[in-house]
Amino acid sequence: MQLIHPDISSEMIPKLDEIIAAHYKMDGAVIPVLRLSQDIVGYLPMALIDYISYGLNLPRSEVLGVATFYSLFSLIPKGRHTIKACLGTACYVKGIREVTSRISNEYGIKEGETTKDRRFSLEAVRCLGACGLAPVLVVDQDTYGGVTPSQVKSLLEHYE
């Protein structure tokens, strides 16, 4: 089967083939193959789901079922930087909705979306365990507390 997709380069295909071959006929192969493949491509486009299904000789429904069941996997492209906005009670009370609204207006994305240039993905999380810093944003591995809507642009501008 040929793998053609704009987000999958010819350099990625031998790596994907190696992953599939290493897990062929192994029990429980779907999760590690999906995880390693997503590490290479950045997400799991349907063409890749089909390629993995074919390579592991499994029904597409089985591979897709695993990919859609676990939150670890994404069927949509992710940004180079992930913004996690805490929607826990303390953050909510202290204005995280206004912060996420500013992000949405500034970058044209809603929760669960990625900017067209794939710079940012915005995710809502239930709690980041930093209630004393509310409202909290985490960008990649960087935690920002006491974030106000007016700080959003300056806080995110150095993430290319």
N, C-alpha and C. Protein backbone atom coordinates (compact mmCIF):
# COMPACT_ATOMS: atom_id res chain seq x y z
N MET A 1 0.85 -1.18 0.00
CA MET A 1 0.00 0.00 0.00
C MET A 1 0.89 1.24 0.00
N GLN A 2 0.52 2.21 -0.81
CA GLN A 2 1.29 3.45 -0.89
C GLN A 2 0.71 4.47 0.08
N LEU A 3 1.58 5.20 0.77
CA LEU A 3 1.16 6.20 1.73
C LEU A 3 1.42 7.58 1.15
N ILE A 4 0.33 8.28 0.83
CA ILE A 4 0.44 9.62 0.26
C ILE A 4 -0.40 10.56 1.12
N HIS A 5 0.26 11.54 1.69
CA HIS A 5 -0.41 12.55 2.50
C HIS A 5 0.51 13.76 2.59
N PRO A 6 0.00 14.97 2.51
CA PRO A 6 0.86 16.16 2.51
C PRO A 6 1.70 16.33 3.78
N ASP A 7 1.26 15.77 4.89
CA ASP A 7 2.01 15.90 6.14
C ASP A 7 2.99 14.76 6.39
N ILE A 8 3.04 13.81 5.46
CA ILE A 8 3.94 12.66 5.63
C ILE A 8 4.98 12.71 4.52
N SER A 9 6.21 12.98 4.92
CA SER A 9 7.30 13.11 3.95
C SER A 9 7.85 11.73 3.56
N SER A 10 8.58 11.71 2.47
CA SER A 10 9.18 10.45 2.02
C SER A 10 10.22 9.94 3.03
N GLU A 11 10.79 10.85 3.84
CA GLU A 11 11.76 10.43 4.87
C GLU A 11 11.06 9.72 6.04
N MET A 12 9.79 10.02 6.25
CA MET A 12 9.05 9.41 7.36
C MET A 12 8.64 7.98 7.06
N ILE A 13 8.39 7.67 5.81
CA ILE A 13 7.83 6.37 5.45
C ILE A 13 8.71 5.19 5.86
N PRO A 14 10.03 5.22 5.64
CA PRO A 14 10.84 4.08 6.12
C PRO A 14 10.79 3.91 7.64
N LYS A 15 10.71 5.00 8.36
CA LYS A 15 10.60 4.91 9.83
C LYS A 15 9.28 4.27 10.23
N LEU A 16 8.21 4.68 9.55
CA LEU A 16 6.90 4.09 9.83
C LEU A 16 6.89 2.60 9.48
N ASP A 17 7.49 2.27 8.35
CA ASP A 17 7.58 0.86 7.95
C ASP A 17 8.34 0.03 8.98
N GLU A 18 9.40 0.59 9.51
CA GLU A 18 10.21 -0.11 10.52
C GLU A 18 9.39 -0.36 11.78
N ILE A 19 8.63 0.63 12.20
CA ILE A 19 7.78 0.48 13.39
C ILE A 19 6.74 -0.61 13.17
N ILE A 20 6.08 -0.57 12.03
CA ILE A 20 5.05 -1.57 11.73
C ILE A 20 5.66 -2.96 11.67
N ALA A 21 6.80 -3.10 11.00
CA ALA A 21 7.45 -4.41 10.87
C ALA A 21 7.88 -4.95 12.23
N ALA A 22 8.36 -4.07 13.10
CA ALA A 22 8.83 -4.50 14.42
C ALA A 22 7.69 -5.00 15.30
N HIS A 23 6.47 -4.58 15.02
CA HIS A 23 5.33 -4.95 15.86
C HIS A 23 4.35 -5.91 15.18
N TYR A 24 4.65 -6.29 13.96
CA TYR A 24 3.76 -7.18 13.21
C TYR A 24 3.56 -8.49 13.96
N LYS A 25 2.32 -8.91 14.05
CA LYS A 25 1.92 -10.17 14.70
C LYS A 25 2.16 -10.19 16.21
N MET A 26 2.43 -9.04 16.81
CA MET A 26 2.58 -8.97 18.27
C MET A 26 1.23 -8.65 18.89
N ASP A 27 0.92 -9.30 19.99
CA ASP A 27 -0.30 -8.95 20.72
C ASP A 27 -0.15 -7.54 21.26
N GLY A 28 -1.22 -6.77 21.17
CA GLY A 28 -1.21 -5.41 21.70
C GLY A 28 -0.37 -4.43 20.91
N ALA A 29 -0.14 -4.70 19.63
CA ALA A 29 0.74 -3.87 18.82
C ALA A 29 0.15 -2.51 18.46
N VAL A 30 -1.16 -2.41 18.46
CA VAL A 30 -1.79 -1.20 17.93
C VAL A 30 -1.37 0.05 18.71
N ILE A 31 -1.42 0.01 20.02
CA ILE A 31 -1.10 1.20 20.81
C ILE A 31 0.34 1.66 20.59
N PRO A 32 1.35 0.79 20.72
CA PRO A 32 2.71 1.28 20.48
C PRO A 32 2.94 1.75 19.04
N VAL A 33 2.33 1.08 18.07
CA VAL A 33 2.51 1.51 16.68
C VAL A 33 1.88 2.89 16.48
N LEU A 34 0.70 3.11 17.01
CA LEU A 34 0.06 4.42 16.90
C LEU A 34 0.88 5.50 17.60
N ARG A 35 1.36 5.19 18.80
CA ARG A 35 2.14 6.18 19.56
C ARG A 35 3.42 6.55 18.83
N LEU A 36 4.16 5.56 18.38
CA LEU A 36 5.42 5.83 17.70
C LEU A 36 5.19 6.53 16.36
N SER A 37 4.13 6.15 15.68
CA SER A 37 3.81 6.79 14.40
C SER A 37 3.41 8.25 14.61
N GLN A 38 2.63 8.49 15.66
CA GLN A 38 2.24 9.87 15.97
C GLN A 38 3.45 10.71 16.36
N ASP A 39 4.42 10.10 17.02
CA ASP A 39 5.66 10.82 17.36
C ASP A 39 6.38 11.28 16.10
N ILE A 40 6.29 10.50 15.04
CA ILE A 40 6.98 10.85 13.79
C ILE A 40 6.20 11.90 13.00
N VAL A 41 4.90 11.69 12.84
CA VAL A 41 4.09 12.55 11.97
C VAL A 41 3.52 13.75 12.72
N GLY A 42 3.30 13.59 14.01
CA GLY A 42 2.73 14.67 14.81
C GLY A 42 1.26 14.46 15.13
N TYR A 43 0.60 13.66 14.35
CA TYR A 43 -0.79 13.28 14.57
C TYR A 43 -1.07 12.06 13.70
N LEU A 44 -2.32 11.60 13.70
CA LEU A 44 -2.67 10.37 12.97
C LEU A 44 -3.72 10.67 11.89
N PRO A 45 -3.28 11.13 10.72
CA PRO A 45 -4.25 11.34 9.64
C PRO A 45 -4.84 10.00 9.19
N MET A 46 -6.02 10.04 8.58
CA MET A 46 -6.69 8.81 8.18
C MET A 46 -5.85 7.96 7.22
N ALA A 47 -5.07 8.61 6.37
CA ALA A 47 -4.21 7.85 5.46
C ALA A 47 -3.21 7.00 6.26
N LEU A 48 -2.74 7.52 7.37
CA LEU A 48 -1.80 6.78 8.22
C LEU A 48 -2.52 5.67 8.97
N ILE A 49 -3.73 5.91 9.42
CA ILE A 49 -4.54 4.86 10.06
C ILE A 49 -4.70 3.69 9.08
N ASP A 50 -5.03 4.01 7.84
CA ASP A 50 -5.19 2.97 6.82
C ASP A 50 -3.88 2.23 6.57
N TYR A 51 -2.79 2.95 6.53
CA TYR A 51 -1.46 2.37 6.29
C TYR A 51 -1.08 1.41 7.42
N ILE A 52 -1.34 1.83 8.65
CA ILE A 52 -1.04 0.99 9.81
C ILE A 52 -1.94 -0.25 9.80
N SER A 53 -3.21 -0.05 9.50
CA SER A 53 -4.15 -1.19 9.43
C SER A 53 -3.66 -2.22 8.41
N TYR A 54 -3.30 -1.74 7.25
CA TYR A 54 -2.81 -2.62 6.19
C TYR A 54 -1.52 -3.32 6.63
N GLY A 55 -0.59 -2.55 7.20
CA GLY A 55 0.70 -3.10 7.60
C GLY A 55 0.61 -4.13 8.72
N LEU A 56 -0.33 -3.93 9.64
CA LEU A 56 -0.51 -4.88 10.75
C LEU A 56 -1.52 -5.97 10.42
N ASN A 57 -2.12 -5.88 9.22
CA ASN A 57 -3.13 -6.84 8.78
C ASN A 57 -4.30 -6.89 9.78
N LEU A 58 -4.77 -5.70 10.16
CA LEU A 58 -5.88 -5.57 11.08
C LEU A 58 -6.98 -4.74 10.41
N PRO A 59 -8.23 -4.96 10.83
CA PRO A 59 -9.30 -4.13 10.27
C PRO A 59 -9.09 -2.65 10.62
N ARG A 60 -9.43 -1.80 9.67
CA ARG A 60 -9.32 -0.35 9.90
C ARG A 60 -10.09 0.05 11.16
N SER A 61 -11.26 -0.56 11.36
CA SER A 61 -12.10 -0.21 12.51
C SER A 61 -11.39 -0.48 13.84
N GLU A 62 -10.56 -1.51 13.88
CA GLU A 62 -9.84 -1.81 15.12
C GLU A 62 -8.79 -0.74 15.40
N VAL A 63 -8.02 -0.37 14.40
CA VAL A 63 -6.98 0.65 14.59
C VAL A 63 -7.60 2.01 14.87
N LEU A 64 -8.63 2.36 14.13
CA LEU A 64 -9.31 3.63 14.35
C LEU A 64 -9.99 3.67 15.71
N GLY A 65 -10.55 2.55 16.12
CA GLY A 65 -11.19 2.47 17.44
C GLY A 65 -10.21 2.76 18.57
N VAL A 66 -9.01 2.22 18.47
CA VAL A 66 -7.98 2.48 19.48
C VAL A 66 -7.56 3.95 19.42
N ALA A 67 -7.36 4.47 18.20
CA ALA A 67 -6.90 5.84 18.03
C ALA A 67 -7.91 6.86 18.57
N THR A 68 -9.20 6.55 18.46
CA THR A 68 -10.22 7.49 18.93
C THR A 68 -10.58 7.28 20.40
N PHE A 69 -10.26 6.12 20.95
CA PHE A 69 -10.60 5.84 22.34
C PHE A 69 -9.67 6.56 23.31
N TYR A 70 -8.39 6.55 23.04
CA TYR A 70 -7.40 7.10 23.97
C TYR A 70 -7.10 8.56 23.67
N SER A 71 -7.12 9.39 24.71
CA SER A 71 -6.88 10.83 24.54
C SER A 71 -5.44 11.13 24.15
N LEU A 72 -4.56 10.18 24.29
CA LEU A 72 -3.16 10.33 23.89
C LEU A 72 -3.03 10.59 22.38
N PHE A 73 -3.98 10.06 21.62
CA PHE A 73 -3.90 10.14 20.16
C PHE A 73 -4.74 11.28 19.61
N SER A 74 -4.26 11.85 18.51
CA SER A 74 -4.97 12.93 17.86
C SER A 74 -5.11 12.63 16.36
N LEU A 75 -6.32 12.80 15.85
CA LEU A 75 -6.57 12.62 14.43
C LEU A 75 -6.48 13.95 13.68
N ILE A 76 -6.24 15.02 14.42
CA ILE A 76 -6.09 16.33 13.80
C ILE A 76 -4.69 16.86 14.09
N PRO A 77 -4.18 17.70 13.19
CA PRO A 77 -2.83 18.24 13.40
C PRO A 77 -2.74 19.05 14.69
N LYS A 78 -1.63 18.95 15.36
CA LYS A 78 -1.38 19.72 16.58
C LYS A 78 -0.37 20.81 16.27
N GLY A 79 -0.42 21.85 17.07
CA GLY A 79 0.52 22.95 16.91
C GLY A 79 1.90 22.61 17.45
N ARG A 80 2.86 23.42 17.08
CA ARG A 80 4.22 23.25 17.61
C ARG A 80 4.25 23.50 19.11
N HIS A 81 3.29 24.30 19.58
CA HIS A 81 3.19 24.63 21.00
C HIS A 81 1.76 24.37 21.46
N THR A 82 1.63 23.71 22.59
CA THR A 82 0.32 23.41 23.15
C THR A 82 0.06 24.34 24.33
N ILE A 83 -1.07 25.04 24.26
CA ILE A 83 -1.51 25.90 25.36
C ILE A 83 -2.59 25.13 26.11
N LYS A 84 -2.34 24.89 27.39
CA LYS A 84 -3.35 24.23 28.22
C LYS A 84 -3.91 25.27 29.18
N ALA A 85 -5.22 25.45 29.11
CA ALA A 85 -5.90 26.40 29.97
C ALA A 85 -6.64 25.63 31.05
N CYS A 86 -6.37 25.94 32.29
CA CYS A 86 -7.02 25.26 33.41
C CYS A 86 -8.44 25.79 33.58
N LEU A 87 -9.41 24.88 33.59
CA LEU A 87 -10.80 25.25 33.80
C LEU A 87 -11.30 24.80 35.17
N GLY A 88 -10.36 24.52 36.07
CA GLY A 88 -10.74 24.16 37.44
C GLY A 88 -11.45 25.32 38.12
N THR A 89 -12.05 25.05 39.24
CA THR A 89 -12.88 26.05 39.92
C THR A 89 -12.12 27.34 40.22
N ALA A 90 -10.94 27.24 40.81
CA ALA A 90 -10.18 28.45 41.16
C ALA A 90 -9.85 29.27 39.92
N CYS A 91 -9.40 28.61 38.87
CA CYS A 91 -9.05 29.32 37.63
C CYS A 91 -10.30 29.92 36.98
N TYR A 92 -11.39 29.18 37.02
CA TYR A 92 -12.63 29.67 36.43
C TYR A 92 -13.10 30.93 37.14
N VAL A 93 -13.10 30.88 38.47
CA VAL A 93 -13.56 32.02 39.28
C VAL A 93 -12.65 33.24 39.06
N LYS A 94 -11.37 33.00 38.84
CA LYS A 94 -10.42 34.11 38.70
C LYS A 94 -10.23 34.57 37.25
N GLY A 95 -11.05 34.05 36.31
CA GLY A 95 -11.08 34.65 34.99
C GLY A 95 -10.43 33.91 33.84
N ILE A 96 -10.27 32.60 33.93
CA ILE A 96 -9.64 31.88 32.82
C ILE A 96 -10.47 31.96 31.54
N ARG A 97 -11.78 32.08 31.65
CA ARG A 97 -12.63 32.18 30.45
C ARG A 97 -12.29 33.45 29.65
N GLU A 98 -12.02 34.54 30.35
CA GLU A 98 -11.64 35.77 29.66
C GLU A 98 -10.28 35.61 28.98
N VAL A 99 -9.39 34.87 29.62
CA VAL A 99 -8.06 34.60 29.05
C VAL A 99 -8.20 33.75 27.79
N THR A 100 -9.00 32.68 27.86
CA THR A 100 -9.16 31.82 26.68
C THR A 100 -9.90 32.56 25.56
N SER A 101 -10.80 33.45 25.92
CA SER A 101 -11.48 34.27 24.90
C SER A 101 -10.47 35.16 24.18
N ARG A 102 -9.53 35.72 24.92
CA ARG A 102 -8.50 36.56 24.31
C ARG A 102 -7.62 35.73 23.37
N ILE A 103 -7.26 34.52 23.80
CA ILE A 103 -6.47 33.63 22.94
C ILE A 103 -7.27 33.33 21.67
N SER A 104 -8.54 33.02 21.83
CA SER A 104 -9.40 32.72 20.68
C SER A 104 -9.46 33.90 19.71
N ASN A 105 -9.65 35.08 20.24
CA ASN A 105 -9.74 36.28 19.39
C ASN A 105 -8.40 36.62 18.75
N GLU A 106 -7.32 36.48 19.49
CA GLU A 106 -5.99 36.86 19.01
C GLU A 106 -5.46 35.88 17.95
N TYR A 107 -5.73 34.59 18.14
CA TYR A 107 -5.13 33.56 17.28
C TYR A 107 -6.14 32.79 16.42
N GLY A 108 -7.41 33.11 16.55
CA GLY A 108 -8.43 32.50 15.71
C GLY A 108 -8.67 31.02 15.97
N ILE A 109 -8.51 30.61 17.23
CA ILE A 109 -8.76 29.20 17.58
C ILE A 109 -9.67 29.12 18.80
N LYS A 110 -10.40 28.03 18.86
CA LYS A 110 -11.21 27.72 20.04
C LYS A 110 -10.56 26.52 20.73
N GLU A 111 -11.08 26.18 21.89
CA GLU A 111 -10.58 25.01 22.61
C GLU A 111 -10.66 23.79 21.71
N GLY A 112 -9.57 23.02 21.66
CA GLY A 112 -9.51 21.82 20.85
C GLY A 112 -9.07 22.06 19.43
N GLU A 113 -8.73 23.31 19.10
CA GLU A 113 -8.32 23.64 17.73
C GLU A 113 -6.84 24.01 17.66
N THR A 114 -6.36 24.08 16.44
CA THR A 114 -4.98 24.43 16.14
C THR A 114 -4.98 25.59 15.15
N THR A 115 -4.05 26.53 15.32
CA THR A 115 -3.97 27.64 14.39
C THR A 115 -3.63 27.12 12.99
N LYS A 116 -4.03 27.87 11.98
CA LYS A 116 -3.79 27.46 10.59
C LYS A 116 -2.31 27.25 10.29
N ASP A 117 -1.45 28.04 10.94
CA ASP A 117 0.00 27.89 10.72
C ASP A 117 0.62 26.82 11.63
N ARG A 118 -0.22 26.15 12.40
CA ARG A 118 0.19 25.10 13.34
C ARG A 118 1.17 25.59 14.39
N ARG A 119 1.06 26.83 14.72
CA ARG A 119 1.91 27.39 15.78
C ARG A 119 1.38 26.96 17.16
N PHE A 120 0.06 27.07 17.38
CA PHE A 120 -0.53 26.77 18.68
C PHE A 120 -1.71 25.82 18.57
N SER A 121 -1.84 24.97 19.58
CA SER A 121 -3.06 24.21 19.83
C SER A 121 -3.56 24.66 21.20
N LEU A 122 -4.86 24.83 21.33
CA LEU A 122 -5.45 25.26 22.60
C LEU A 122 -6.26 24.11 23.18
N GLU A 123 -5.91 23.73 24.40
CA GLU A 123 -6.61 22.64 25.08
C GLU A 123 -7.13 23.13 26.42
N ALA A 124 -8.33 22.68 26.76
CA ALA A 124 -8.89 22.95 28.07
C ALA A 124 -8.63 21.73 28.94
N VAL A 125 -8.14 21.95 30.14
CA VAL A 125 -7.91 20.85 31.07
C VAL A 125 -8.68 21.14 32.35
N ARG A 126 -9.03 20.12 33.08
CA ARG A 126 -9.87 20.29 34.27
C ARG A 126 -9.12 20.84 35.48
N CYS A 127 -7.87 20.46 35.63
CA CYS A 127 -7.10 20.97 36.76
C CYS A 127 -5.62 20.77 36.49
N LEU A 128 -4.83 21.78 36.81
CA LEU A 128 -3.38 21.67 36.64
C LEU A 128 -2.67 21.56 37.99
N GLY A 129 -3.44 21.57 39.07
CA GLY A 129 -2.87 21.41 40.40
C GLY A 129 -2.08 22.62 40.87
N ALA A 130 -2.40 23.78 40.34
CA ALA A 130 -1.71 25.01 40.73
C ALA A 130 -2.74 26.07 41.09
N CYS A 131 -3.69 25.70 41.93
CA CYS A 131 -4.83 26.56 42.24
C CYS A 131 -4.40 27.89 42.87
N GLY A 132 -3.31 27.88 43.61
CA GLY A 132 -2.81 29.11 44.24
C GLY A 132 -2.31 30.12 43.22
N LEU A 133 -2.07 29.68 41.99
CA LEU A 133 -1.57 30.57 40.93
C LEU A 133 -2.69 31.02 39.98
N ALA A 134 -3.91 30.65 40.25
CA ALA A 134 -5.03 30.87 39.33
C ALA A 134 -5.15 32.33 38.88
N PRO A 135 -5.57 32.49 37.61
CA PRO A 135 -5.78 31.50 36.56
C PRO A 135 -4.47 31.09 35.91
N VAL A 136 -4.40 29.83 35.51
CA VAL A 136 -3.14 29.23 35.05
C VAL A 136 -3.23 28.79 33.59
N LEU A 137 -2.13 29.07 32.87
CA LEU A 137 -1.91 28.52 31.53
C LEU A 137 -0.60 27.76 31.56
N VAL A 138 -0.53 26.66 30.83
CA VAL A 138 0.72 25.95 30.63
C VAL A 138 0.96 25.95 29.12
N VAL A 139 2.12 26.46 28.72
CA VAL A 139 2.50 26.44 27.31
C VAL A 139 3.69 25.51 27.22
N ASP A 140 3.51 24.40 26.51
CA ASP A 140 4.50 23.32 26.46
C ASP A 140 4.78 22.89 27.90
N GLN A 141 5.96 23.18 28.42
CA GLN A 141 6.30 22.82 29.80
C GLN A 141 6.37 24.03 30.73
N ASP A 142 6.03 25.20 30.22
CA ASP A 142 6.13 26.44 31.00
C ASP A 142 4.79 26.78 31.64
N THR A 143 4.79 27.00 32.96
CA THR A 143 3.57 27.32 33.70
C THR A 143 3.52 28.82 33.99
N TYR A 144 2.36 29.42 33.71
CA TYR A 144 2.15 30.84 33.95
C TYR A 144 0.94 31.01 34.87
N GLY A 145 1.15 31.68 35.99
CA GLY A 145 0.07 31.92 36.95
C GLY A 145 -0.37 33.36 36.95
N GLY A 146 -1.58 33.59 37.44
CA GLY A 146 -2.12 34.93 37.52
C GLY A 146 -2.25 35.61 36.17
N VAL A 147 -2.53 34.82 35.15
CA VAL A 147 -2.60 35.34 33.77
C VAL A 147 -3.85 36.19 33.59
N THR A 148 -3.65 37.34 32.97
CA THR A 148 -4.77 38.23 32.63
C THR A 148 -4.92 38.28 31.11
N PRO A 149 -6.10 38.62 30.64
CA PRO A 149 -6.30 38.71 29.18
C PRO A 149 -5.29 39.65 28.51
N SER A 150 -4.93 40.72 29.17
CA SER A 150 -4.00 41.69 28.57
C SER A 150 -2.58 41.15 28.45
N GLN A 151 -2.25 40.09 29.16
CA GLN A 151 -0.91 39.49 29.10
C GLN A 151 -0.76 38.45 27.99
N VAL A 152 -1.87 37.99 27.45
CA VAL A 152 -1.85 36.84 26.53
C VAL A 152 -0.87 37.04 25.38
N LYS A 153 -0.98 38.14 24.67
CA LYS A 153 -0.16 38.33 23.47
C LYS A 153 1.32 38.37 23.82
N SER A 154 1.71 39.12 24.84
CA SER A 154 3.13 39.21 25.20
C SER A 154 3.65 37.88 25.75
N LEU A 155 2.80 37.14 26.42
CA LEU A 155 3.19 35.85 26.97
C LEU A 155 3.46 34.83 25.86
N LEU A 156 2.66 34.88 24.80
CA LEU A 156 2.78 33.87 23.72
C LEU A 156 3.67 34.29 22.58
N GLU A 157 4.04 35.56 22.49
CA GLU A 157 4.76 36.03 21.30
C GLU A 157 6.15 35.39 21.10
N HIS A 158 6.80 34.95 22.18
CA HIS A 158 8.13 34.36 22.01
C HIS A 158 8.11 32.87 21.64
N TYR A 159 6.92 32.29 21.53
CA TYR A 159 6.80 30.90 21.08
C TYR A 159 6.62 30.88 19.57
N GLU A 160 7.66 30.49 18.86
CA GLU A 160 7.59 30.45 17.38
C GLU A 160 7.23 29.05 16.98
